[in-house]
C-alpha atoms as a PDB file:
ATOM      1  CA  MET A   1      -0.134 -10.179  83.776  1.00  0.00           C
ATOM      2  CA  LEU A   2      -3.243  -8.259  82.770  1.00  0.00           C
ATOM      3  CA  GLY A   3      -2.148  -8.384  79.127  1.00  0.00           C
ATOM      4  CA  ARG A   4      -1.934 -12.179  79.226  1.00  0.00           C
ATOM      5  CA  LEU A   5      -5.365 -12.454  80.838  1.00  0.00           C
ATOM      6  CA  VAL A   6      -6.874 -10.240  78.142  1.00  0.00           C
ATOM      7  CA  LEU A   7      -5.072 -12.314  75.502  1.00  0.00           C
ATOM      8  CA  ILE A   8      -6.498 -15.557  76.915  1.00  0.00           C
ATOM      9  CA  LEU A   9     -10.018 -14.141  76.867  1.00  0.00           C
ATOM     10  CA  LEU A  10      -9.547 -12.873  73.307  1.00  0.00           C
ATOM     11  CA  GLN A  11      -8.172 -16.218  72.158  1.00  0.00           C
ATOM     12  CA  LEU A  12     -11.100 -18.105  73.669  1.00  0.00           C
ATOM     13  CA  ALA A  13     -13.723 -15.776  72.212  1.00  0.00           C
ATOM     14  CA  ILE A  14     -12.231 -15.415  68.730  1.00  0.00           C
ATOM     15  CA  ALA A  15     -11.519 -19.123  68.288  1.00  0.00           C
ATOM     16  CA  TRP A  16     -14.916 -20.182  69.662  1.00  0.00           C
ATOM     17  CA  PHE A  17     -16.893 -17.937  67.316  1.00  0.00           C
ATOM     18  CA  ALA A  18     -14.654 -17.967  64.214  1.00  0.00           C
ATOM     19  CA  ALA A  19     -13.871 -21.694  63.975  1.00  0.00           C
ATOM     20  CA  PRO A  20     -17.422 -22.785  63.043  1.00  0.00           C
ATOM     21  CA  GLN A  21     -17.503 -20.109  60.341  1.00  0.00           C
ATOM     22  CA  ILE A  22     -14.273 -21.446  58.827  1.00  0.00           C
ATOM     23  CA  LEU A  23     -15.356 -25.065  59.293  1.00  0.00           C
ATOM     24  CA  ALA A  24     -18.476 -24.403  57.209  1.00  0.00           C
ATOM     25  CA  TYR A  25     -16.238 -24.132  54.121  1.00  0.00           C
ATOM     26  CA  ILE A  26     -14.600 -27.524  54.741  1.00  0.00           C
ATOM     27  CA  GLY A  27     -16.680 -30.502  53.667  1.00  0.00           C
ATOM     28  CA  ILE A  28     -15.549 -33.170  56.127  1.00  0.00           C
ATOM     29  CA  GLY A  29     -17.767 -35.262  58.383  1.00  0.00           C
ATOM     30  CA  GLY A  30     -17.450 -37.822  61.140  1.00  0.00           C
ATOM     31  CA  ASP A  31     -14.701 -37.979  63.730  1.00  0.00           C
ATOM     32  CA  VAL A  32     -12.203 -36.373  61.355  1.00  0.00           C
ATOM     33  CA  ARG A  33     -14.268 -33.175  61.533  1.00  0.00           C
ATOM     34  CA  ILE A  34     -13.494 -32.915  65.266  1.00  0.00           C
ATOM     35  CA  PHE A  35      -9.756 -33.035  64.548  1.00  0.00           C
ATOM     36  CA  VAL A  36     -10.068 -30.426  61.795  1.00  0.00           C
ATOM     37  CA  HIS A  37     -12.076 -28.245  64.190  1.00  0.00           C
ATOM     38  CA  ALA A  38      -9.328 -28.626  66.801  1.00  0.00           C
ATOM     39  CA  THR A  39      -6.667 -27.707  64.229  1.00  0.00           C
ATOM     40  CA  ILE A  40      -8.602 -24.566  63.324  1.00  0.00           C
ATOM     41  CA  PHE A  41      -8.844 -23.729  67.037  1.00  0.00           C
ATOM     42  CA  ALA A  42      -5.048 -24.011  67.394  1.00  0.00           C
ATOM     43  CA  ILE A  43      -4.347 -21.858  64.343  1.00  0.00           C
ATOM     44  CA  LEU A  44      -6.803 -19.185  65.460  1.00  0.00           C
ATOM     45  CA  VAL A  45      -5.344 -19.169  68.976  1.00  0.00           C
ATOM     46  CA  TRP A  46      -1.851 -18.711  67.533  1.00  0.00           C
ATOM     47  CA  VAL A  47      -2.864 -15.988  65.061  1.00  0.00           C
ATOM     48  CA  THR A  48      -4.721 -14.158  67.837  1.00  0.00           C
ATOM     49  CA  GLY A  49      -1.520 -14.402  69.869  1.00  0.00           C
ATOM     50  CA  LEU A  50       0.470 -12.874  67.002  1.00  0.00           C
ATOM     51  CA  VAL A  51      -1.916  -9.943  66.699  1.00  0.00           C
ATOM     52  CA  GLY A  52      -2.268  -9.622  70.461  1.00  0.00           C
ATOM     53  CA  ALA A  53       1.503  -9.411  70.869  1.00  0.00           C
ATOM     54  CA  GLN A  54       1.517  -6.341  68.639  1.00  0.00           C
ATOM     55  CA  VAL A  55      -1.381  -4.633  70.415  1.00  0.00           C
ATOM     56  CA  LEU A  56      -1.093  -5.632  74.077  1.00  0.00           C
ATOM     57  CA  LYS A  57       1.720  -4.714  76.433  1.00  0.00           C
ATOM     58  CA  ASP A  58       3.686  -7.400  78.303  1.00  0.00           C
ATOM     59  CA  VAL A  59       2.749 -10.095  75.769  1.00  0.00           C
ATOM     60  CA  ALA A  60       5.585 -11.823  73.937  1.00  0.00           C
ATOM     61  CA  THR A  61       5.409 -12.678  70.230  1.00  0.00           C
ATOM     62  CA  PRO A  62       4.717 -16.414  69.805  1.00  0.00           C
ATOM     63  CA  SER A  63       7.164 -18.606  67.924  1.00  0.00           C
ATOM     64  CA  PRO A  64       6.352 -21.467  65.548  1.00  0.00           C
ATOM     65  CA  ASN A  65       7.021 -23.788  68.508  1.00  0.00           C
ATOM     66  CA  THR A  66       4.085 -22.154  70.250  1.00  0.00           C
ATOM     67  CA  LEU A  67       1.864 -23.173  67.337  1.00  0.00           C
ATOM     68  CA  VAL A  68       3.077 -26.760  67.684  1.00  0.00           C
ATOM     69  CA  TRP A  69       2.247 -26.781  71.400  1.00  0.00           C
ATOM     70  CA  ALA A  70      -1.192 -25.277  70.782  1.00  0.00           C
ATOM     71  CA  LEU A  71      -1.833 -27.805  68.011  1.00  0.00           C
ATOM     72  CA  GLY A  72      -0.725 -30.667  70.238  1.00  0.00           C
ATOM     73  CA  GLY A  73      -3.047 -29.564  73.019  1.00  0.00           C
ATOM     74  CA  ALA A  74      -5.967 -29.145  70.628  1.00  0.00           C
ATOM     75  CA  LEU A  75      -5.446 -32.569  69.072  1.00  0.00           C
ATOM     76  CA  ILE A  76      -5.207 -34.217  72.493  1.00  0.00           C
ATOM     77  CA  GLY A  77      -8.473 -32.497  73.391  1.00  0.00           C
ATOM     78  CA  ALA A  78     -10.056 -33.726  70.148  1.00  0.00           C
ATOM     79  CA  ALA A  79      -8.952 -37.283  70.912  1.00  0.00           C
ATOM     80  CA  LEU A  80     -10.563 -37.000  74.344  1.00  0.00           C
ATOM     81  CA  VAL A  81     -13.783 -35.825  72.703  1.00  0.00           C
ATOM     82  CA  VAL A  82     -13.723 -38.755  70.265  1.00  0.00           C
ATOM     83  CA  PHE A  83     -13.286 -41.187  73.162  1.00  0.00           C
ATOM     84  CA  LYS A  84     -16.250 -39.551  74.946  1.00  0.00           C
ATOM     85  CA  VAL A  85     -14.259 -38.410  77.998  1.00  0.00           C
ATOM     86  CA  PRO A  86     -16.349 -35.214  78.555  1.00  0.00           C
ATOM     87  CA  ALA A  87     -19.451 -37.393  79.046  1.00  0.00           C
ATOM     88  CA  MET A  88     -17.693 -39.155  81.946  1.00  0.00           C
ATOM     89  CA  LEU A  89     -16.849 -35.941  83.777  1.00  0.00           C
ATOM     90  CA  PRO A  90     -19.179 -34.647  86.496  1.00  0.00           C
ATOM     91  CA  LEU A  91     -19.172 -31.136  84.978  1.00  0.00           C
ATOM     92  CA  LYS A  92     -21.368 -30.636  81.944  1.00  0.00           C
ATOM     93  CA  PHE A  93     -20.017 -28.455  79.141  1.00  0.00           C
ATOM     94  CA  ALA A  94     -19.874 -28.387  75.358  1.00  0.00           C
ATOM     95  CA  PRO A  95     -17.397 -31.081  74.263  1.00  0.00           C
ATOM     96  CA  MET A  96     -15.535 -28.707  71.927  1.00  0.00           C
ATOM     97  CA  PHE A  97     -14.474 -26.584  74.918  1.00  0.00           C
ATOM     98  CA  LEU A  98     -11.923 -29.301  75.654  1.00  0.00           C
ATOM     99  CA  PRO A  99      -9.841 -28.906  72.450  1.00  0.00           C
ATOM    100  CA  LEU A 100     -10.147 -25.118  72.668  1.00  0.00           C
ATOM    101  CA  GLY A 101      -9.073 -25.005  76.303  1.00  0.00           C
ATOM    102  CA  LEU A 102      -6.149 -27.332  75.695  1.00  0.00           C
ATOM    103  CA  ALA A 103      -5.072 -25.291  72.655  1.00  0.00           C
ATOM    104  CA  VAL A 104      -4.970 -22.133  74.770  1.00  0.00           C
ATOM    105  CA  LEU A 105      -3.224 -24.036  77.570  1.00  0.00           C
ATOM    106  CA  GLY A 106      -0.651 -25.383  75.109  1.00  0.00           C
ATOM    107  CA  TYR A 107      -0.118 -21.897  73.711  1.00  0.00           C
ATOM    108  CA  HIS A 108       0.594 -20.418  77.141  1.00  0.00           C
ATOM    109  CA  ALA A 109       2.540 -23.413  78.476  1.00  0.00           C
ATOM    110  CA  ARG A 110       5.184 -22.974  75.810  1.00  0.00           C
ATOM    111  CA  ARG A 111       5.666 -19.278  75.295  1.00  0.00           C
END
């Protein structure tokens, strides 16, 4: 259980800080950029899970299906950001937390 909690924290931190660095090399603008950002989040979450499975105890190695679930969650989160759903919520947070959180949730929902 502790291994999974550490993995979740690592996935959130690595994806949050590394995705903008990768996105700087991709010249896309507009709403499509949000979906590309979400895709990068999902890939980074999955790769962090692969590395974390080798390092941490009690963490299973993710399958390609896990990547699909993480990607699905991230893209749903990106669609919610495009439709301005975070602005309607009473909690205020950075809109890109939604695709990241749903990518991590998708990763751990289908393990």
